[in-house]
Amino acid sequence: MFVTVPVYRRAMSEEATNGKFSSSPSPQLTQSAPNVEMAQMTLNESSKITFLDQFRAFSKFGDTKSDGKHITLSQSDKWMKQAKVIDKKITTTDTGIHFKKFKALKISYGDYNKFLDDLAKTKKVDLEEIKKKMINCGSPGVTQVTAGKAASAVERLTDTSKYTGTHKERFDASGKGKGIAGRKNIVDESGYVTGYQNKDTYPAAH
């Protein structure tokens, strides 16, 4: 009786017998994973926004002729407001005082770093924290509103129980609009006295 052995099994047996068989994966397979990982790391690094990138973007904000190499006090204040760096501790008065030390309407990237360093030391604020906020504040003019705040604002504006004056009269107790009855005084010409409770309850014969 003959037993058929699959070709690939025979080949494996021969390799094992000759000492050529190895359980280690192919060099191609071992190298592919690190290559993919390195490519992904490179992509992530290139997608990161730097402080210089933001400086260039805000130095062009509102000025189509700007080359992105110099920034004005106005542009700087807009940037710092958007990044929430300007608050109760650091005001536009503070930024104005420190900016005017350079005696120029526009300052370079190098001078701007000196400006921030001087401002941070004077106000006793961490410089790196300031820069981190300014890097992560988004593109110029972008207003970041959280979903929670937006939802609460809409809820507050649509709560009819808080309406006053003529606006309050346009809705019933459940918050449903009364339509035209809530906007105009409609004259009752039925002949009944206002507030009469038994209207239309008597037979037509009367």
C-alpha atoms as a PDB file:
ATOM      1  CA  MET A   1       0.000   0.000   0.000  1.00  0.00           C
ATOM      2  CA  PHE A   2       1.406   3.400  -1.023  1.00  0.00           C
ATOM      3  CA  VAL A   3       0.867   6.585   1.000  1.00  0.00           C
ATOM      4  CA  THR A   4       1.037   9.907  -0.825  1.00  0.00           C
ATOM      5  CA  VAL A   5       3.037  12.550   1.043  1.00  0.00           C
ATOM      6  CA  PRO A   6       2.378  16.188   0.082  1.00  0.00           C
ATOM      7  CA  VAL A   7       5.287  17.863  -1.714  1.00  0.00           C
ATOM      8  CA  TYR A   8       5.603  20.733   0.782  1.00  0.00           C
ATOM      9  CA  ARG A   9       5.818  18.276   3.703  1.00  0.00           C
ATOM     10  CA  ARG A  10       8.561  16.316   1.907  1.00  0.00           C
ATOM     11  CA  ALA A  11      10.494  19.498   1.303  1.00  0.00           C
ATOM     12  CA  MET A  12      10.272  20.447   4.969  1.00  0.00           C
ATOM     13  CA  SER A  13      11.450  16.971   6.004  1.00  0.00           C
ATOM     14  CA  GLU A  14      14.433  17.173   3.665  1.00  0.00           C
ATOM     15  CA  GLU A  15      15.405  20.583   5.001  1.00  0.00           C
ATOM     16  CA  ALA A  16      15.131  19.350   8.570  1.00  0.00           C
ATOM     17  CA  THR A  17      17.266  16.293   7.734  1.00  0.00           C
ATOM     18  CA  ASN A  18      19.946  18.358   6.015  1.00  0.00           C
ATOM     19  CA  GLY A  19      20.025  20.825   8.913  1.00  0.00           C
ATOM     20  CA  LYS A  20      18.745  23.662   6.749  1.00  0.00           C
ATOM     21  CA  PHE A  21      15.331  23.993   8.354  1.00  0.00           C
ATOM     22  CA  SER A  22      14.932  26.960  10.676  1.00  0.00           C
ATOM     23  CA  SER A  23      11.932  28.131  12.685  1.00  0.00           C
ATOM     24  CA  SER A  24      13.056  31.783  12.583  1.00  0.00           C
ATOM     25  CA  PRO A  25      10.985  34.114  10.367  1.00  0.00           C
ATOM     26  CA  SER A  26      12.186  35.385   7.024  1.00  0.00           C
ATOM     27  CA  PRO A  27      14.519  38.405   7.149  1.00  0.00           C
ATOM     28  CA  GLN A  28      12.009  40.239   4.947  1.00  0.00           C
ATOM     29  CA  LEU A  29       9.278  39.806   7.528  1.00  0.00           C
ATOM     30  CA  THR A  30      11.424  40.910  10.461  1.00  0.00           C
ATOM     31  CA  GLN A  31      12.522  44.070   8.698  1.00  0.00           C
ATOM     32  CA  SER A  32       9.105  45.176   7.411  1.00  0.00           C
ATOM     33  CA  ALA A  33       7.615  45.991  10.832  1.00  0.00           C
ATOM     34  CA  PRO A  34      10.426  48.355  11.935  1.00  0.00           C
ATOM     35  CA  ASN A  35      10.322  50.046   8.529  1.00  0.00           C
ATOM     36  CA  VAL A  36       6.597  50.749   8.862  1.00  0.00           C
ATOM     37  CA  GLU A  37       7.089  51.993  12.416  1.00  0.00           C
ATOM     38  CA  MET A  38       9.887  54.350  11.358  1.00  0.00           C
ATOM     39  CA  ALA A  39       7.796  55.695   8.488  1.00  0.00           C
ATOM     40  CA  GLN A  40       4.906  56.360  10.860  1.00  0.00           C
ATOM     41  CA  MET A  41       7.196  58.177  13.316  1.00  0.00           C
ATOM     42  CA  THR A  42       8.537  60.359  10.516  1.00  0.00           C
ATOM     43  CA  LEU A  43       4.998  61.209   9.427  1.00  0.00           C
ATOM     44  CA  ASN A  44       3.971  62.127  12.970  1.00  0.00           C
ATOM     45  CA  GLU A  45       7.038  64.333  13.446  1.00  0.00           C
ATOM     46  CA  SER A  46       6.407  66.187  10.191  1.00  0.00           C
ATOM     47  CA  SER A  47       2.769  66.844  11.128  1.00  0.00           C
ATOM     48  CA  LYS A  48       3.668  68.643  14.380  1.00  0.00           C
ATOM     49  CA  ILE A  49       3.209  72.418  14.475  1.00  0.00           C
ATOM     50  CA  THR A  50       6.115  74.410  15.883  1.00  0.00           C
ATOM     51  CA  PHE A  51       6.195  77.788  17.606  1.00  0.00           C
ATOM     52  CA  LEU A  52       7.875  79.222  14.495  1.00  0.00           C
ATOM     53  CA  ASP A  53       5.005  77.915  12.327  1.00  0.00           C
ATOM     54  CA  GLN A  54       2.493  79.721  14.513  1.00  0.00           C
ATOM     55  CA  PHE A  55       4.621  82.894  14.535  1.00  0.00           C
ATOM     56  CA  ARG A  56       4.605  82.955  10.742  1.00  0.00           C
ATOM     57  CA  ALA A  57       0.859  82.286  10.566  1.00  0.00           C
ATOM     58  CA  PHE A  58      -0.104  85.034  13.031  1.00  0.00           C
ATOM     59  CA  SER A  59       2.386  87.521  11.540  1.00  0.00           C
ATOM     60  CA  LYS A  60       0.372  87.243   8.306  1.00  0.00           C
ATOM     61  CA  PHE A  61      -2.998  87.458  10.049  1.00  0.00           C
ATOM     62  CA  GLY A  62      -4.854  90.499   8.705  1.00  0.00           C
ATOM     63  CA  ASP A  63      -1.871  91.540   6.573  1.00  0.00           C
ATOM     64  CA  THR A  64      -1.789  90.070   3.063  1.00  0.00           C
ATOM     65  CA  LYS A  65       1.550  91.754   2.310  1.00  0.00           C
ATOM     66  CA  SER A  66       3.394  90.254   5.299  1.00  0.00           C
ATOM     67  CA  ASP A  67       6.263  87.851   4.563  1.00  0.00           C
ATOM     68  CA  GLY A  68       5.829  86.084   7.912  1.00  0.00           C
ATOM     69  CA  LYS A  69       9.167  87.287   9.300  1.00  0.00           C
ATOM     70  CA  HIS A  70       7.919  90.118  11.532  1.00  0.00           C
ATOM     71  CA  ILE A  71       4.935  90.470  13.860  1.00  0.00           C
ATOM     72  CA  THR A  72       3.072  93.537  15.170  1.00  0.00           C
ATOM     73  CA  LEU A  73       1.779  94.142  18.702  1.00  0.00           C
ATOM     74  CA  SER A  74      -1.810  93.845  17.447  1.00  0.00           C
ATOM     75  CA  GLN A  75      -1.127  90.468  15.818  1.00  0.00           C
ATOM     76  CA  SER A  76       0.707  89.284  18.931  1.00  0.00           C
ATOM     77  CA  ASP A  77      -2.191  90.282  21.187  1.00  0.00           C
ATOM     78  CA  LYS A  78      -4.675  88.447  18.951  1.00  0.00           C
ATOM     79  CA  TRP A  79      -2.472  85.360  19.102  1.00  0.00           C
ATOM     80  CA  MET A  80      -2.113  85.541  22.886  1.00  0.00           C
ATOM     81  CA  LYS A  81      -5.836  86.149  23.378  1.00  0.00           C
ATOM     82  CA  GLN A  82      -6.707  83.147  21.221  1.00  0.00           C
ATOM     83  CA  ALA A  83      -4.225  81.059  23.208  1.00  0.00           C
ATOM     84  CA  LYS A  84      -5.720  82.405  26.466  1.00  0.00           C
ATOM     85  CA  VAL A  85      -2.315  83.705  27.540  1.00  0.00           C
ATOM     86  CA  ILE A  86      -3.774  87.167  28.017  1.00  0.00           C
ATOM     87  CA  ASP A  87      -5.934  86.909  31.126  1.00  0.00           C
ATOM     88  CA  LYS A  88      -6.151  88.546  34.547  1.00  0.00           C
ATOM     89  CA  LYS A  89      -2.437  88.043  35.193  1.00  0.00           C
ATOM     90  CA  ILE A  90      -1.121  89.129  31.782  1.00  0.00           C
ATOM     91  CA  THR A  91      -3.012  92.019  30.181  1.00  0.00           C
ATOM     92  CA  THR A  92      -2.698  93.955  26.928  1.00  0.00           C
ATOM     93  CA  THR A  93      -1.149  96.762  28.984  1.00  0.00           C
ATOM     94  CA  ASP A  94       1.671  94.400  29.986  1.00  0.00           C
ATOM     95  CA  THR A  95       2.240  93.197  26.419  1.00  0.00           C
ATOM     96  CA  GLY A  96       2.236  96.811  25.164  1.00  0.00           C
ATOM     97  CA  ILE A  97       4.866  97.926  27.702  1.00  0.00           C
ATOM     98  CA  HIS A  98       7.235  95.045  26.892  1.00  0.00           C
ATOM     99  CA  PHE A  99       6.680  95.220  23.114  1.00  0.00           C
ATOM    100  CA  LYS A 100       7.464  98.949  22.962  1.00  0.00           C
ATOM    101  CA  LYS A 101      10.879  98.324  24.505  1.00  0.00           C
ATOM    102  CA  PHE A 102      12.010  97.265  21.020  1.00  0.00           C
ATOM    103  CA  LYS A 103      11.013 100.695  19.622  1.00  0.00           C
ATOM    104  CA  ALA A 104       9.565  99.181  16.433  1.00  0.00           C
ATOM    105  CA  LEU A 105       6.104  98.563  14.994  1.00  0.00           C
ATOM    106  CA  LYS A 106       7.143  95.042  13.957  1.00  0.00           C
ATOM    107  CA  ILE A 107       9.707  92.726  15.526  1.00  0.00           C
ATOM    108  CA  SER A 108      11.499  89.636  14.235  1.00  0.00           C
ATOM    109  CA  TYR A 109      11.157  86.057  15.476  1.00  0.00           C
ATOM    110  CA  GLY A 110      14.339  86.381  17.543  1.00  0.00           C
ATOM    111  CA  ASP A 111      13.170  89.601  19.219  1.00  0.00           C
ATOM    112  CA  TYR A 112       9.735  88.097  19.786  1.00  0.00           C
ATOM    113  CA  ASN A 113      11.280  85.288  21.810  1.00  0.00           C
ATOM    114  CA  LYS A 114      13.130  87.932  23.869  1.00  0.00           C
ATOM    115  CA  PHE A 115       9.828  89.793  24.301  1.00  0.00           C
ATOM    116  CA  LEU A 116       8.103  86.663  25.663  1.00  0.00           C
ATOM    117  CA  ASP A 117      11.052  85.819  27.903  1.00  0.00           C
ATOM    118  CA  ASP A 118      11.038  89.324  29.390  1.00  0.00           C
ATOM    119  CA  LEU A 119       7.249  89.249  29.813  1.00  0.00           C
ATOM    120  CA  ALA A 120       7.290  85.828  31.507  1.00  0.00           C
ATOM    121  CA  LYS A 121      10.018  86.851  33.959  1.00  0.00           C
ATOM    122  CA  THR A 122       8.269  90.097  34.862  1.00  0.00           C
ATOM    123  CA  LYS A 123       4.879  88.453  35.403  1.00  0.00           C
ATOM    124  CA  LYS A 124       6.456  85.343  36.994  1.00  0.00           C
ATOM    125  CA  VAL A 125       4.848  82.947  34.514  1.00  0.00           C
ATOM    126  CA  ASP A 126       6.429  79.806  33.024  1.00  0.00           C
ATOM    127  CA  LEU A 127       7.717  80.679  29.534  1.00  0.00           C
ATOM    128  CA  GLU A 128       7.353  77.110  28.239  1.00  0.00           C
ATOM    129  CA  GLU A 129       3.729  77.031  29.373  1.00  0.00           C
ATOM    130  CA  ILE A 130       3.049  80.258  27.464  1.00  0.00           C
ATOM    131  CA  LYS A 131       4.618  78.869  24.297  1.00  0.00           C
ATOM    132  CA  LYS A 132       2.766  75.574  24.652  1.00  0.00           C
ATOM    133  CA  LYS A 133      -0.570  77.403  24.747  1.00  0.00           C
ATOM    134  CA  MET A 134       0.410  79.542  21.760  1.00  0.00           C
ATOM    135  CA  ILE A 135       1.419  76.472  19.734  1.00  0.00           C
ATOM    136  CA  ASN A 136      -1.803  74.576  20.465  1.00  0.00           C
ATOM    137  CA  CYS A 137      -4.325  77.415  20.032  1.00  0.00           C
ATOM    138  CA  GLY A 138      -5.117  76.533  16.417  1.00  0.00           C
ATOM    139  CA  SER A 139      -4.976  78.579  13.223  1.00  0.00           C
ATOM    140  CA  PRO A 140      -5.442  82.373  13.380  1.00  0.00           C
ATOM    141  CA  GLY A 141      -9.041  83.358  13.982  1.00  0.00           C
ATOM    142  CA  VAL A 142     -10.187  79.926  15.132  1.00  0.00           C
ATOM    143  CA  THR A 143     -12.467  80.114  18.158  1.00  0.00           C
ATOM    144  CA  GLN A 144     -12.551  76.970  20.232  1.00  0.00           C
ATOM    145  CA  VAL A 145     -15.919  76.343  21.896  1.00  0.00           C
ATOM    146  CA  THR A 146     -16.530  73.206  23.890  1.00  0.00           C
ATOM    147  CA  ALA A 147     -19.692  71.208  23.213  1.00  0.00           C
ATOM    148  CA  GLY A 148     -20.764  71.515  26.851  1.00  0.00           C
ATOM    149  CA  LYS A 149     -20.678  75.313  26.829  1.00  0.00           C
ATOM    150  CA  ALA A 150     -22.476  75.535  23.482  1.00  0.00           C
ATOM    151  CA  ALA A 151     -25.203  73.158  24.654  1.00  0.00           C
ATOM    152  CA  SER A 152     -25.761  75.037  27.914  1.00  0.00           C
ATOM    153  CA  ALA A 153     -25.991  78.360  26.059  1.00  0.00           C
ATOM    154  CA  VAL A 154     -28.637  77.006  23.655  1.00  0.00           C
ATOM    155  CA  GLU A 155     -30.559  75.444  26.536  1.00  0.00           C
ATOM    156  CA  ARG A 156     -30.571  78.740  28.419  1.00  0.00           C
ATOM    157  CA  LEU A 157     -31.800  80.716  25.404  1.00  0.00           C
ATOM    158  CA  THR A 158     -34.603  78.256  24.627  1.00  0.00           C
ATOM    159  CA  ASP A 159     -35.927  77.930  28.198  1.00  0.00           C
ATOM    160  CA  THR A 160     -39.305  79.705  27.895  1.00  0.00           C
ATOM    161  CA  SER A 161     -39.817  79.680  31.680  1.00  0.00           C
ATOM    162  CA  LYS A 162     -37.125  82.379  31.931  1.00  0.00           C
ATOM    163  CA  TYR A 163     -38.739  84.710  29.373  1.00  0.00           C
ATOM    164  CA  THR A 164     -40.203  87.997  30.613  1.00  0.00           C
ATOM    165  CA  GLY A 165     -42.526  90.722  29.358  1.00  0.00           C
ATOM    166  CA  THR A 166     -44.342  90.239  26.037  1.00  0.00           C
ATOM    167  CA  HIS A 167     -42.110  87.259  25.146  1.00  0.00           C
ATOM    168  CA  LYS A 168     -43.446  85.348  28.146  1.00  0.00           C
ATOM    169  CA  GLU A 169     -47.034  85.764  26.896  1.00  0.00           C
ATOM    170  CA  ARG A 170     -46.230  83.949  23.637  1.00  0.00           C
ATOM    171  CA  PHE A 171     -45.900  80.542  25.371  1.00  0.00           C
ATOM    172  CA  ASP A 172     -48.167  78.467  27.600  1.00  0.00           C
ATOM    173  CA  ALA A 173     -47.124  76.771  30.856  1.00  0.00           C
ATOM    174  CA  SER A 174     -45.671  73.751  28.996  1.00  0.00           C
ATOM    175  CA  GLY A 175     -43.502  75.957  26.774  1.00  0.00           C
ATOM    176  CA  LYS A 176     -45.650  75.474  23.657  1.00  0.00           C
ATOM    177  CA  GLY A 177     -46.118  78.543  21.479  1.00  0.00           C
ATOM    178  CA  LYS A 178     -49.590  80.121  21.399  1.00  0.00           C
ATOM    179  CA  GLY A 179     -49.295  81.271  17.808  1.00  0.00           C
ATOM    180  CA  ILE A 180     -51.090  84.481  16.870  1.00  0.00           C
ATOM    181  CA  ALA A 181     -52.907  84.451  20.204  1.00  0.00           C
ATOM    182  CA  GLY A 182     -49.600  85.071  21.901  1.00  0.00           C
ATOM    183  CA  ARG A 183     -48.835  88.122  19.741  1.00  0.00           C
ATOM    184  CA  LYS A 184     -52.148  89.917  19.397  1.00  0.00           C
ATOM    185  CA  ASN A 185     -55.102  90.739  21.629  1.00  0.00           C
ATOM    186  CA  ILE A 186     -58.031  88.990  19.940  1.00  0.00           C
ATOM    187  CA  VAL A 187     -61.463  90.506  20.743  1.00  0.00           C
ATOM    188  CA  ASP A 188     -64.093  87.970  21.800  1.00  0.00           C
ATOM    189  CA  GLU A 189     -67.283  88.848  19.845  1.00  0.00           C
ATOM    190  CA  SER A 190     -69.331  85.871  21.017  1.00  0.00           C
ATOM    191  CA  GLY A 191     -71.454  87.960  23.384  1.00  0.00           C
ATOM    192  CA  TYR A 192     -70.241  86.153  26.484  1.00  0.00           C
ATOM    193  CA  VAL A 193     -68.638  87.959  29.395  1.00  0.00           C
ATOM    194  CA  THR A 194     -64.878  87.475  29.612  1.00  0.00           C
ATOM    195  CA  GLY A 195     -64.029  84.596  31.916  1.00  0.00           C
ATOM    196  CA  TYR A 196     -67.478  82.933  31.694  1.00  0.00           C
ATOM    197  CA  GLN A 197     -66.985  79.197  32.329  1.00  0.00           C
ATOM    198  CA  ASN A 198     -70.199  77.718  30.832  1.00  0.00           C
ATOM    199  CA  LYS A 199     -69.875  78.969  27.268  1.00  0.00           C
ATOM    200  CA  ASP A 200     -71.551  76.674  24.675  1.00  0.00           C
ATOM    201  CA  THR A 201     -72.860  74.276  27.363  1.00  0.00           C
ATOM    202  CA  TYR A 202     -76.584  75.083  26.995  1.00  0.00           C
ATOM    203  CA  PRO A 203     -78.873  73.429  24.418  1.00  0.00           C
ATOM    204  CA  ALA A 204     -79.501  75.330  21.161  1.00  0.00           C
ATOM    205  CA  ALA A 205     -83.250  75.601  22.038  1.00  0.00           C
ATOM    206  CA  HIS A 206     -82.448  78.279  24.606  1.00  0.00           C
END
